Amino acid sequence: MSRIKGQGPFYFLGGALGSAVASFVWTWAGWTGVCLTGLGVTAFALVLWALTCLRDREAVEAG
């Protein structure tokens, strides 16, 4: 399976999940809630990225 075909379903699922969450949050808290949810998801992704970088750096330093 090519890499593009393997990533396609995850892009679709991410878009569908993001749309569903945004719709739910919008009915509950309006645009402020949608923006804050997006900010929270982005912050979470940034933390995961930083932790991965630290783990990789420690692995390289350990040899």
Protein backbone atom coordinates (compact mmCIF):
# COMPACT_ATOMS: atom_id res chain seq x y z
CA MET A 1 0.00 0.00 0.00
CA SER A 2 1.44 3.35 -0.92
CA ARG A 3 1.94 5.99 1.70
CA ILE A 4 -0.66 8.30 0.17
CA LYS A 5 -3.35 5.63 0.22
CA GLY A 6 -2.45 4.81 3.82
CA GLN A 7 -2.82 8.42 4.95
CA GLY A 8 -6.08 9.12 3.13
CA PRO A 9 -8.41 7.45 5.62
CA PHE A 10 -6.77 9.28 8.51
CA TYR A 11 -7.22 12.66 6.80
CA PHE A 12 -10.87 11.78 6.24
CA LEU A 13 -11.40 10.62 9.83
CA GLY A 14 -9.62 13.69 11.21
CA GLY A 15 -11.75 16.00 9.10
CA ALA A 16 -14.97 14.21 10.04
CA LEU A 17 -14.09 14.19 13.73
CA GLY A 18 -13.03 17.84 13.64
CA SER A 19 -16.28 18.84 11.94
CA ALA A 20 -18.38 16.89 14.41
CA VAL A 21 -16.57 18.35 17.42
CA ALA A 22 -16.73 21.89 16.02
CA SER A 23 -20.48 21.53 15.36
CA PHE A 24 -21.13 20.27 18.88
CA VAL A 25 -19.00 22.96 20.49
CA TRP A 26 -20.56 25.70 18.36
CA THR A 27 -24.09 24.77 19.52
CA TRP A 28 -22.86 24.75 23.11
CA ALA A 29 -20.48 27.76 23.22
CA GLY A 30 -20.57 29.55 19.85
CA TRP A 31 -17.54 30.78 17.96
CA THR A 32 -15.59 31.46 21.14
CA GLY A 33 -15.88 27.81 22.09
CA VAL A 34 -14.86 26.65 18.61
CA CYS A 35 -11.80 28.92 18.66
CA LEU A 36 -10.82 27.82 22.17
CA THR A 37 -11.25 24.17 21.17
CA GLY A 38 -8.98 24.72 18.18
CA LEU A 39 -6.45 26.43 20.43
CA GLY A 40 -6.59 23.52 22.87
CA VAL A 41 -6.08 20.91 20.15
CA THR A 42 -3.16 22.91 18.75
CA ALA A 43 -1.58 23.27 22.20
CA PHE A 44 -1.97 19.53 22.78
CA ALA A 45 -0.29 18.77 19.45
CA LEU A 46 2.56 21.16 20.33
CA VAL A 47 3.12 19.41 23.66
CA LEU A 48 3.18 16.00 21.97
CA TRP A 49 5.66 17.29 19.38
CA ALA A 50 7.92 18.74 22.10
CA LEU A 51 7.86 15.51 24.09
CA THR A 52 8.73 13.52 20.97
CA CYS A 53 11.66 15.84 20.25
CA LEU A 54 12.93 15.43 23.81
CA ARG A 55 12.61 11.66 23.63
CA ASP A 56 14.45 11.53 20.31
CA ARG A 57 17.22 13.80 21.63
CA GLU A 58 17.69 11.59 24.70
CA ALA A 59 17.84 8.49 22.49
CA VAL A 60 20.53 10.06 20.28
CA GLU A 61 22.57 11.21 23.28
CA ALA A 62 22.33 7.76 24.89
CA GLY A 63 23.97 6.31 21.86
